[in-house]
Amino acid sequence: MNDICPRSILLASSSPRRVSLLQQIGLMFETMSPDVDESLAADELPVAYVERLSKSKAAAGLTHRPTYVVIAADTVVTLGDEVIGKPSDRADGIEMLMRLSGTTHRVLTGVTVASAADSRTQVVASDVSFRAVSEGEAYAYWRTKEPADKAGGYGLQGIGSIFVEKIHGSPSAVIGLPMLETEIMLKHFGIDTWSGRVDRTT
């Protein structure tokens, strides 16, 4: 398979966390915000949910840029088979954080890399253990505005990291995009991921 120029990559996401992760590994890409229904279907399990949404977002990206290789992802926090989404308001955000306090929850990220001719999808599971969080801390954290748009009501890449005792799995997947799996899938599509990377020691 011939190499595809890294500039032919489209990230089908408006998430600044996913943009930052791809920038950190030196990829060149475009972005777009896919318009897909993110409603959880009745009796849909979390793994099937993130897999379906990542595929739907990738399909939307290919509609936008049909000749590109598209990266799309979806991330959810789960307690058992329950999906913990983004908080709807302060009370919801406080309740989410208190539910996660002192427990281990699972973060699932579905990632799809697709072209017009092929598609690969993988779901990456990571277990995140929280220390005990006081109600006062939960209120103070909400006032930072960081948790308002985050699945599970916290951000690992920011202030929310102070609550995390340990992670078993992929930290980048918890943030929103599993970098190891994404890199491997991009190589399957013939992308020379190293061509856009520079010597950062100079």
Protein backbone atom coordinates (compact mmCIF):
# COMPACT_ATOMS: atom_id res chain seq x y z
CA MET A 1 0.00 0.00 0.00
CA ASN A 2 1.34 3.44 -0.89
CA ASP A 3 1.97 5.89 1.92
CA ILE A 4 -0.67 8.57 2.34
CA CYS A 5 0.51 12.05 3.23
CA PRO A 6 -0.24 12.79 6.89
CA ARG A 7 -2.05 15.94 5.76
CA SER A 8 -4.77 13.64 4.45
CA ILE A 9 -5.88 12.82 8.01
CA LEU A 10 -9.15 14.16 9.36
CA LEU A 11 -10.01 14.09 13.05
CA ALA A 12 -13.79 13.86 13.23
CA SER A 13 -14.00 15.54 16.61
CA SER A 14 -14.15 19.03 18.09
CA SER A 15 -12.64 17.82 21.37
CA PRO A 16 -9.61 19.95 22.32
CA ARG A 17 -8.26 16.97 24.27
CA ARG A 18 -8.16 14.76 21.15
CA VAL A 19 -6.66 17.57 19.11
CA SER A 20 -3.95 18.04 21.74
CA LEU A 21 -3.14 14.31 21.89
CA LEU A 22 -2.62 14.10 18.13
CA GLN A 23 -0.56 17.28 18.13
CA GLN A 24 1.63 15.89 20.90
CA ILE A 25 2.67 12.97 18.70
CA GLY A 26 3.46 15.23 15.74
CA LEU A 27 0.61 14.41 13.35
CA MET A 28 -0.72 16.91 10.83
CA PHE A 29 -4.47 16.77 10.38
CA GLU A 30 -7.68 18.66 9.80
CA THR A 31 -10.64 18.68 12.18
CA MET A 32 -14.41 18.79 11.87
CA SER A 33 -17.29 18.36 14.30
CA PRO A 34 -19.47 15.41 13.27
CA ASP A 35 -23.23 15.83 13.61
CA VAL A 36 -24.38 12.47 14.97
CA ASP A 37 -27.10 11.40 17.39
CA GLU A 38 -25.33 10.43 20.61
CA SER A 39 -28.42 9.05 22.34
CA LEU A 40 -27.94 5.74 24.13
CA ALA A 41 -30.22 3.11 22.61
CA ALA A 42 -32.49 1.04 24.83
CA ASP A 43 -30.62 -1.91 26.37
CA GLU A 44 -27.41 -0.88 24.58
CA LEU A 45 -24.30 -1.94 26.48
CA PRO A 46 -21.51 0.63 26.95
CA VAL A 47 -19.01 -1.21 24.73
CA ALA A 48 -21.51 -1.39 21.87
CA TYR A 49 -22.41 2.27 22.43
CA VAL A 50 -18.87 3.69 22.07
CA GLU A 51 -18.16 1.36 19.16
CA ARG A 52 -21.30 2.51 17.33
CA LEU A 53 -20.66 6.20 17.95
CA SER A 54 -17.04 6.07 16.83
CA LYS A 55 -18.16 4.39 13.59
CA SER A 56 -20.94 6.94 13.06
CA LYS A 57 -18.56 9.85 13.60
CA ALA A 58 -16.04 8.32 11.19
CA ALA A 59 -18.76 7.93 8.57
CA ALA A 60 -19.70 11.59 9.03
CA GLY A 61 -16.06 12.52 8.59
CA LEU A 62 -15.81 10.57 5.34
CA THR A 63 -18.88 12.37 4.03
CA HIS A 64 -17.03 15.62 4.73
CA ARG A 65 -13.66 14.47 3.33
CA PRO A 66 -14.22 11.27 1.28
CA THR A 67 -10.58 10.95 0.15
CA TYR A 68 -9.10 11.29 3.64
CA VAL A 69 -8.29 8.80 6.38
CA VAL A 70 -10.60 9.67 9.26
CA ILE A 71 -10.02 9.23 12.99
CA ALA A 72 -13.09 9.27 15.23
CA ALA A 73 -13.63 8.35 18.86
CA ASP A 74 -16.13 8.33 21.67
CA THR A 75 -15.44 8.04 25.39
CA VAL A 76 -17.74 7.13 28.27
CA VAL A 77 -17.34 6.56 31.98
CA THR A 78 -19.15 3.51 33.33
CA LEU A 79 -20.14 2.10 36.69
CA GLY A 80 -21.06 -1.48 35.99
CA ASP A 81 -23.25 -1.34 32.87
CA GLU A 82 -24.38 2.22 33.59
CA VAL A 83 -23.06 4.98 31.34
CA ILE A 84 -22.12 8.12 33.25
CA GLY A 85 -22.36 10.93 30.71
CA LYS A 86 -21.56 14.62 30.91
CA PRO A 87 -23.13 16.50 33.84
CA SER A 88 -26.26 18.44 32.96
CA ASP A 89 -25.75 21.03 35.70
CA ARG A 90 -23.90 21.67 38.97
CA ALA A 91 -26.02 19.31 41.05
CA ASP A 92 -25.49 16.54 38.51
CA GLY A 93 -21.74 17.19 38.40
CA ILE A 94 -21.43 17.09 42.18
CA GLU A 95 -23.44 13.87 42.35
CA MET A 96 -21.26 12.24 39.68
CA LEU A 97 -18.04 13.06 41.48
CA MET A 98 -19.38 11.81 44.80
CA ARG A 99 -20.45 8.54 43.17
CA LEU A 100 -16.93 8.06 41.81
CA SER A 101 -15.32 8.99 45.14
CA GLY A 102 -13.39 6.10 46.67
CA THR A 103 -14.33 3.69 43.88
CA THR A 104 -12.88 2.20 40.71
CA HIS A 105 -14.76 2.96 37.51
CA ARG A 106 -14.18 1.95 33.92
CA VAL A 107 -13.55 4.32 31.04
CA LEU A 108 -14.33 2.99 27.56
CA THR A 109 -13.07 4.67 24.42
CA GLY A 110 -14.12 3.44 21.01
CA VAL A 111 -11.79 4.56 18.22
CA THR A 112 -12.40 4.10 14.50
CA VAL A 113 -9.93 4.79 11.71
CA ALA A 114 -11.56 4.65 8.30
CA SER A 115 -11.13 5.41 4.63
CA ALA A 116 -13.59 5.08 1.78
CA ALA A 117 -12.37 1.52 1.25
CA ASP A 118 -11.79 0.18 4.76
CA SER A 119 -12.55 0.70 8.44
CA ARG A 120 -10.99 -0.49 11.69
CA THR A 121 -12.55 -0.09 15.15
CA GLN A 122 -11.27 -0.92 18.61
CA VAL A 123 -12.68 -0.36 22.10
CA VAL A 124 -10.10 0.30 24.81
CA ALA A 125 -11.05 -0.22 28.46
CA SER A 126 -9.20 1.45 31.35
CA ASP A 127 -9.93 1.16 35.07
CA VAL A 128 -9.55 4.36 37.09
CA SER A 129 -9.41 4.35 40.89
CA PHE A 130 -10.40 7.51 42.77
CA ARG A 131 -9.36 8.45 46.26
CA ALA A 132 -12.07 9.65 48.64
CA VAL A 133 -13.34 13.07 47.54
CA SER A 134 -15.05 15.38 50.01
CA GLU A 135 -18.23 17.24 49.13
CA GLY A 136 -16.36 20.51 49.62
CA GLU A 137 -13.78 19.45 47.04
CA ALA A 138 -16.55 18.45 44.65
CA TYR A 139 -18.10 21.92 44.89
CA ALA A 140 -14.71 23.60 44.53
CA TYR A 141 -13.90 21.47 41.48
CA TRP A 142 -17.19 22.39 39.82
CA ARG A 143 -16.38 26.08 40.28
CA THR A 144 -13.26 25.61 38.12
CA LYS A 145 -15.64 24.85 35.19
CA GLU A 146 -13.38 21.98 34.12
CA PRO A 147 -15.87 19.13 34.69
CA ALA A 148 -18.85 20.70 32.89
CA ASP A 149 -18.15 19.15 29.46
CA LYS A 150 -16.36 15.97 30.55
CA ALA A 151 -17.71 12.41 30.53
CA GLY A 152 -18.03 11.34 34.14
CA GLY A 153 -17.68 14.93 35.30
CA TYR A 154 -13.86 15.08 35.53
CA GLY A 155 -10.81 15.61 33.34
CA LEU A 156 -7.73 13.43 33.82
CA GLN A 157 -5.58 15.87 31.86
CA GLY A 158 -6.39 18.75 34.22
CA ILE A 159 -7.33 19.41 37.83
CA GLY A 160 -9.28 16.15 37.96
CA SER A 161 -5.99 14.24 38.06
CA ILE A 162 -5.69 15.11 41.78
CA PHE A 163 -8.47 12.60 42.51
CA VAL A 164 -6.88 9.67 40.67
CA GLU A 165 -4.97 7.11 42.72
CA LYS A 166 -4.12 4.76 39.85
CA ILE A 167 -5.00 3.81 36.31
CA HIS A 168 -4.94 0.29 34.93
CA GLY A 169 -4.94 0.78 31.19
CA SER A 170 -4.34 3.64 28.77
CA PRO A 171 -4.16 7.18 30.21
CA SER A 172 -4.60 8.69 26.74
CA ALA A 173 -7.75 6.61 26.21
CA VAL A 174 -9.14 8.01 29.47
CA ILE A 175 -8.45 11.51 28.13
CA GLY A 176 -10.22 10.66 24.88
CA LEU A 177 -8.03 8.86 22.32
CA PRO A 178 -5.90 5.71 22.79
CA MET A 179 -2.64 6.69 21.12
CA LEU A 180 -1.04 3.24 20.82
CA GLU A 181 -4.08 1.74 19.09
CA THR A 182 -4.61 4.82 16.91
CA GLU A 183 -1.00 4.77 15.71
CA ILE A 184 -1.22 1.07 14.83
CA MET A 185 -4.44 1.57 12.88
CA LEU A 186 -3.03 4.56 10.98
CA LYS A 187 -0.11 2.39 9.87
CA HIS A 188 -2.61 -0.20 8.60
CA PHE A 189 -3.95 2.53 6.31
CA GLY A 190 -0.47 3.18 4.95
CA ILE A 191 0.16 6.46 6.72
CA ASP A 192 3.78 7.23 7.48
CA THR A 193 3.19 8.76 10.90
CA TRP A 194 6.87 9.66 11.26
CA SER A 195 6.98 11.95 8.22
CA GLY A 196 5.44 14.87 10.10
CA ARG A 197 7.53 14.47 13.23
CA VAL A 198 10.58 16.63 13.78
CA ASP A 199 13.73 16.41 15.87
CA ARG A 200 12.61 18.16 19.03
CA THR A 201 16.10 18.29 20.51
CA THR A 202 17.19 21.14 18.22
